[in-house]
C-alpha atoms as a PDB file:
ATOM      1  CA  MET A   1      99.641 114.451 116.908  1.00  0.00           C
ATOM      2  CA  PRO A   2      95.910 113.991 117.515  1.00  0.00           C
ATOM      3  CA  SER A   3      96.213 112.829 121.099  1.00  0.00           C
ATOM      4  CA  GLU A   4      96.831 114.285 124.536  1.00  0.00           C
ATOM      5  CA  ILE A   5      97.809 112.497 127.733  1.00  0.00           C
ATOM      6  CA  ASN A   6      97.514 114.040 131.200  1.00  0.00           C
ATOM      7  CA  TRP A   7      96.890 113.027 134.768  1.00  0.00           C
ATOM      8  CA  TYR A   8      93.183 113.074 135.582  1.00  0.00           C
ATOM      9  CA  ILE A   9      93.873 112.063 139.181  1.00  0.00           C
ATOM     10  CA  PRO A  10      97.614 112.439 139.898  1.00  0.00           C
ATOM     11  CA  ASN A  11      99.456 109.124 140.111  1.00  0.00           C
ATOM     12  CA  ARG A  12      96.184 107.144 139.885  1.00  0.00           C
ATOM     13  CA  VAL A  13      94.261 107.873 136.665  1.00  0.00           C
ATOM     14  CA  LEU A  14      95.648 108.941 133.290  1.00  0.00           C
ATOM     15  CA  TYR A  15      93.371 110.711 130.821  1.00  0.00           C
ATOM     16  CA  VAL A  16      94.122 110.137 127.148  1.00  0.00           C
ATOM     17  CA  ARG A  17      92.151 112.090 124.556  1.00  0.00           C
ATOM     18  CA  GLU A  18      92.486 110.750 121.021  1.00  0.00           C
ATOM     19  CA  TYR A  19      90.778 112.785 118.326  1.00  0.00           C
ATOM     20  CA  GLY A  20      90.639 113.407 114.606  1.00  0.00           C
ATOM     21  CA  ALA A  21      92.423 110.973 112.284  1.00  0.00           C
ATOM     22  CA  LEU A  22      94.679 108.909 114.541  1.00  0.00           C
ATOM     23  CA  THR A  23      97.665 107.158 112.934  1.00  0.00           C
ATOM     24  CA  LEU A  24      99.573 104.115 114.114  1.00  0.00           C
ATOM     25  CA  ASP A  25     102.537 106.389 114.939  1.00  0.00           C
ATOM     26  CA  ASP A  26     100.230 108.511 117.136  1.00  0.00           C
ATOM     27  CA  THR A  27      99.002 105.396 118.911  1.00  0.00           C
ATOM     28  CA  LEU A  28     102.530 104.099 119.484  1.00  0.00           C
ATOM     29  CA  ALA A  29     103.716 107.491 120.818  1.00  0.00           C
ATOM     30  CA  THR A  30     100.780 107.707 123.254  1.00  0.00           C
ATOM     31  CA  ASN A  31     101.408 104.112 124.276  1.00  0.00           C
ATOM     32  CA  GLU A  32     105.044 104.945 125.053  1.00  0.00           C
ATOM     33  CA  GLN A  33     104.011 107.906 127.231  1.00  0.00           C
ATOM     34  CA  ALA A  34     101.512 105.746 129.111  1.00  0.00           C
ATOM     35  CA  ARG A  35     104.169 103.071 129.606  1.00  0.00           C
ATOM     36  CA  GLU A  36     106.554 105.638 131.130  1.00  0.00           C
ATOM     37  CA  HIS A  37     103.873 106.574 133.670  1.00  0.00           C
ATOM     38  CA  LEU A  38     103.252 102.900 134.444  1.00  0.00           C
ATOM     39  CA  ASP A  39     106.977 102.205 134.818  1.00  0.00           C
ATOM     40  CA  GLY A  40     107.287 105.085 137.294  1.00  0.00           C
ATOM     41  CA  SER A  41     104.300 104.079 139.394  1.00  0.00           C
ATOM     42  CA  THR A  42     104.313 102.158 142.650  1.00  0.00           C
ATOM     43  CA  ARG A  43     100.611 101.256 142.431  1.00  0.00           C
ATOM     44  CA  LYS A  44      97.933 100.335 139.922  1.00  0.00           C
ATOM     45  CA  LEU A  45      97.033 103.056 137.411  1.00  0.00           C
ATOM     46  CA  HIS A  46      93.798 103.280 135.484  1.00  0.00           C
ATOM     47  CA  ILE A  47      93.642 104.841 132.031  1.00  0.00           C
ATOM     48  CA  LEU A  48      90.671 106.738 130.626  1.00  0.00           C
ATOM     49  CA  ILE A  49      90.772 106.843 126.825  1.00  0.00           C
ATOM     50  CA  ASP A  50      88.408 109.433 125.396  1.00  0.00           C
ATOM     51  CA  HIS A  51      87.381 108.687 121.810  1.00  0.00           C
ATOM     52  CA  THR A  52      84.456 111.100 121.758  1.00  0.00           C
ATOM     53  CA  ASP A  53      86.056 113.155 118.959  1.00  0.00           C
ATOM     54  CA  LEU A  54      87.899 110.323 117.213  1.00  0.00           C
ATOM     55  CA  GLU A  55      87.186 110.222 113.486  1.00  0.00           C
ATOM     56  CA  SER A  56      89.410 107.323 112.438  1.00  0.00           C
ATOM     57  CA  ALA A  57      92.044 105.050 113.923  1.00  0.00           C
ATOM     58  CA  PRO A  58      94.628 102.580 112.645  1.00  0.00           C
ATOM     59  CA  ARG A  59      93.134  99.281 111.551  1.00  0.00           C
ATOM     60  CA  SER A  60      96.407  97.351 111.558  1.00  0.00           C
ATOM     61  CA  LEU A  61      96.057  94.565 114.102  1.00  0.00           C
ATOM     62  CA  SER A  62      99.751  93.750 113.783  1.00  0.00           C
ATOM     63  CA  GLY A  63     100.581  97.370 114.638  1.00  0.00           C
ATOM     64  CA  LEU A  64      98.189  97.460 117.581  1.00  0.00           C
ATOM     65  CA  VAL A  65      99.649  94.235 118.970  1.00  0.00           C
ATOM     66  CA  LYS A  66     102.807  96.281 119.650  1.00  0.00           C
ATOM     67  CA  THR A  67     100.838  98.140 122.343  1.00  0.00           C
ATOM     68  CA  LEU A  68      99.795  95.012 124.246  1.00  0.00           C
ATOM     69  CA  ASP A  69     102.801  95.119 126.567  1.00  0.00           C
ATOM     70  CA  THR A  70     101.282  98.260 128.077  1.00  0.00           C
ATOM     71  CA  PHE A  71      97.917  96.541 128.530  1.00  0.00           C
ATOM     72  CA  ARG A  72      99.712  93.762 130.421  1.00  0.00           C
ATOM     73  CA  HIS A  73     101.985  96.002 132.507  1.00  0.00           C
ATOM     74  CA  PRO A  74     102.043  94.902 136.182  1.00  0.00           C
ATOM     75  CA  ASN A  75     100.965  98.397 137.296  1.00  0.00           C
ATOM     76  CA  MET A  76      98.041  98.526 134.842  1.00  0.00           C
ATOM     77  CA  GLY A  77      94.621  98.752 136.416  1.00  0.00           C
ATOM     78  CA  TRP A  78      91.649  99.236 134.082  1.00  0.00           C
ATOM     79  CA  PHE A  79      91.354 100.759 130.626  1.00  0.00           C
ATOM     80  CA  VAL A  80      88.084 102.637 130.342  1.00  0.00           C
ATOM     81  CA  ILE A  81      87.205 103.717 126.814  1.00  0.00           C
ATOM     82  CA  ILE A  82      84.814 106.645 126.460  1.00  0.00           C
ATOM     83  CA  GLY A  83      82.744 107.345 123.386  1.00  0.00           C
ATOM     84  CA  HIS A  84      82.915 104.416 120.988  1.00  0.00           C
ATOM     85  CA  GLY A  85      79.154 104.715 120.756  1.00  0.00           C
ATOM     86  CA  SER A  86      77.831 103.045 117.655  1.00  0.00           C
ATOM     87  CA  ASN A  87      81.197 102.585 115.896  1.00  0.00           C
ATOM     88  CA  ARG A  88      81.010  98.857 115.316  1.00  0.00           C
ATOM     89  CA  TYR A  89      84.671  98.478 114.330  1.00  0.00           C
ATOM     90  CA  PHE A  90      86.017 100.104 117.514  1.00  0.00           C
ATOM     91  CA  ARG A  91      83.567  98.169 119.701  1.00  0.00           C
ATOM     92  CA  ALA A  92      84.517  94.861 118.062  1.00  0.00           C
ATOM     93  CA  LEU A  93      88.228  95.608 118.374  1.00  0.00           C
ATOM     94  CA  ALA A  94      87.875  96.492 122.068  1.00  0.00           C
ATOM     95  CA  GLN A  95      85.907  93.303 122.734  1.00  0.00           C
ATOM     96  CA  PHE A  96      88.473  91.215 120.852  1.00  0.00           C
ATOM     97  CA  ILE A  97      91.367  92.694 122.829  1.00  0.00           C
ATOM     98  CA  THR A  98      89.518  92.289 126.125  1.00  0.00           C
ATOM     99  CA  HIS A  99      88.600  88.649 125.613  1.00  0.00           C
ATOM    100  CA  PHE A 100      91.529  87.341 123.612  1.00  0.00           C
ATOM    101  CA  PHE A 101      94.277  88.977 125.655  1.00  0.00           C
ATOM    102  CA  GLY A 102      92.562  88.979 129.073  1.00  0.00           C
ATOM    103  CA  ILE A 103      92.759  92.738 129.544  1.00  0.00           C
ATOM    104  CA  SER A 104      90.661  94.672 132.041  1.00  0.00           C
ATOM    105  CA  MET A 105      88.770  97.010 129.742  1.00  0.00           C
ATOM    106  CA  ARG A 106      85.367  98.678 129.911  1.00  0.00           C
ATOM    107  CA  GLU A 107      83.491 100.769 127.342  1.00  0.00           C
ATOM    108  CA  VAL A 108      81.290 103.646 128.489  1.00  0.00           C
ATOM    109  CA  ASP A 109      79.471 106.567 126.888  1.00  0.00           C
ATOM    110  CA  SER A 110      80.607 109.464 129.107  1.00  0.00           C
ATOM    111  CA  LEU A 111      83.275 110.703 131.495  1.00  0.00           C
ATOM    112  CA  ASP A 112      80.760 110.590 134.354  1.00  0.00           C
ATOM    113  CA  GLU A 113      80.046 106.929 133.615  1.00  0.00           C
ATOM    114  CA  ALA A 114      83.801 106.197 133.457  1.00  0.00           C
ATOM    115  CA  LEU A 115      84.400 107.811 136.864  1.00  0.00           C
ATOM    116  CA  ALA A 116      81.435 106.000 138.421  1.00  0.00           C
ATOM    117  CA  PHE A 117      82.857 102.704 137.171  1.00  0.00           C
ATOM    118  CA  LEU A 118      86.350 103.443 138.512  1.00  0.00           C
ATOM    119  CA  VAL A 119      84.950 104.277 141.960  1.00  0.00           C
ATOM    120  CA  GLU A 120      82.985 101.025 141.859  1.00  0.00           C
ATOM    121  CA  ILE A 121      86.151  98.984 141.318  1.00  0.00           C
ATOM    122  CA  ASP A 122      88.602 101.203 143.279  1.00  0.00           C
ATOM    123  CA  GLU A 123      87.025 102.843 146.331  1.00  0.00           C
ATOM    124  CA  ASP A 124      90.215 104.823 147.034  1.00  0.00           C
ATOM    125  CA  LEU A 125      89.287 107.058 144.087  1.00  0.00           C
ATOM    126  CA  GLU A 126      85.931 108.209 145.490  1.00  0.00           C
ATOM    127  CA  PRO A 127      87.151 111.416 147.216  1.00  0.00           C
ATOM    128  CA  PHE A 128      88.903 112.505 144.009  1.00  0.00           C
ATOM    129  CA  THR A 129      86.042 111.739 141.660  1.00  0.00           C
ATOM    130  CA  GLU A 130      83.345 113.328 143.849  1.00  0.00           C
ATOM    131  CA  HIS A 131      85.229 116.631 143.764  1.00  0.00           C
ATOM    132  CA  ARG A 132      85.850 116.416 140.011  1.00  0.00           C
ATOM    133  CA  LEU A 133      82.254 115.446 139.191  1.00  0.00           C
ATOM    134  CA  ALA A 134      80.916 118.384 141.226  1.00  0.00           C
ATOM    135  CA  HIS A 135      83.357 120.752 139.487  1.00  0.00           C
ATOM    136  CA  HIS A 136      82.543 119.262 136.065  1.00  0.00           C
ATOM    137  CA  HIS A 137      78.793 119.832 136.531  1.00  0.00           C
ATOM    138  CA  GLU A 138      79.245 123.427 137.781  1.00  0.00           C
ATOM    139  CA  GLY A 139      81.000 124.559 134.592  1.00  0.00           C
END
């Protein structure tokens, strides 16, 4: 399965890395894992989705609609998508989902930019992200 899901900041920010040739089944499985984290949370969670190494993704809108319940989960904070870059299809799809379904989503080019955005909208994350950014730049 060309995806991984882990806590970036425990119980606050999930990090999802999708890479290679992603299938609809991969997307649905990752969605289910994210939903389990949201169901078990007592506060808003943000999700970072890293598409830096994504080569292709499902183009079935009807299939992707099945994931919208996660986007609308009461514990869902922001989706921050990293690395769509110049892929016009992914950018258009993200904009469509954001506007048509009223989802809090942001597209950025890097992990640093994603963390800076999250701190901007959720100040409680600043102590966590400052430590991680410093560690990230040391390595």
